[in-house]
Amino acid sequence: MSRVAELLGEAKVFHIATIDGDQARVRPFGFVMDFEGKVYFTTGNAKDFYKQVQKNPKVEMSAMLPDGRWIRVNGKAVFDGNALAKKKAFDLFDGFKEIYQSPDNPTFEVFYLEDSSAVVYSFTEAPGKII
């Protein structure tokens, strides 16, 4: 999973798709971290993203890599409230301090993917499965 975090980090911005009723929704994300063998992401629990994933935890993300390849990752989002993961996220990204003030803010959420797969694609090579 650390390779997935590394590639998404290289991309700087990746997009995560959710389902809202019968409509797909996609939005940009930028923060990703490898923590305790899992790839963690963050969001706020007042956002539509959080509400959609509570109803249907299946997500898919995609990012274009600097070398022209792209990665697709899918799985089930698991919100675990891990206090240590929240603290590490705050340590890694100062922007969270402006948005949430503290890792203890009850609206600040961390999640990781389970039952996931990740594949890197290219126009010139066969797809390469990471997980």
Foldseek 3Di string as FASTA:
>chain_A
DQVVQVQLQQLQKKKKWFDDPPDIDIDIAGDWDQDPNFIKGKDFCVDPVNVRLVVPQWMKMKGQGPVGKMKIKIAGKDWDLPLVVLVVSCVVDVVVCVVQVDSPRPGMIMITGDPMWMWIGHPVDDIDTPD
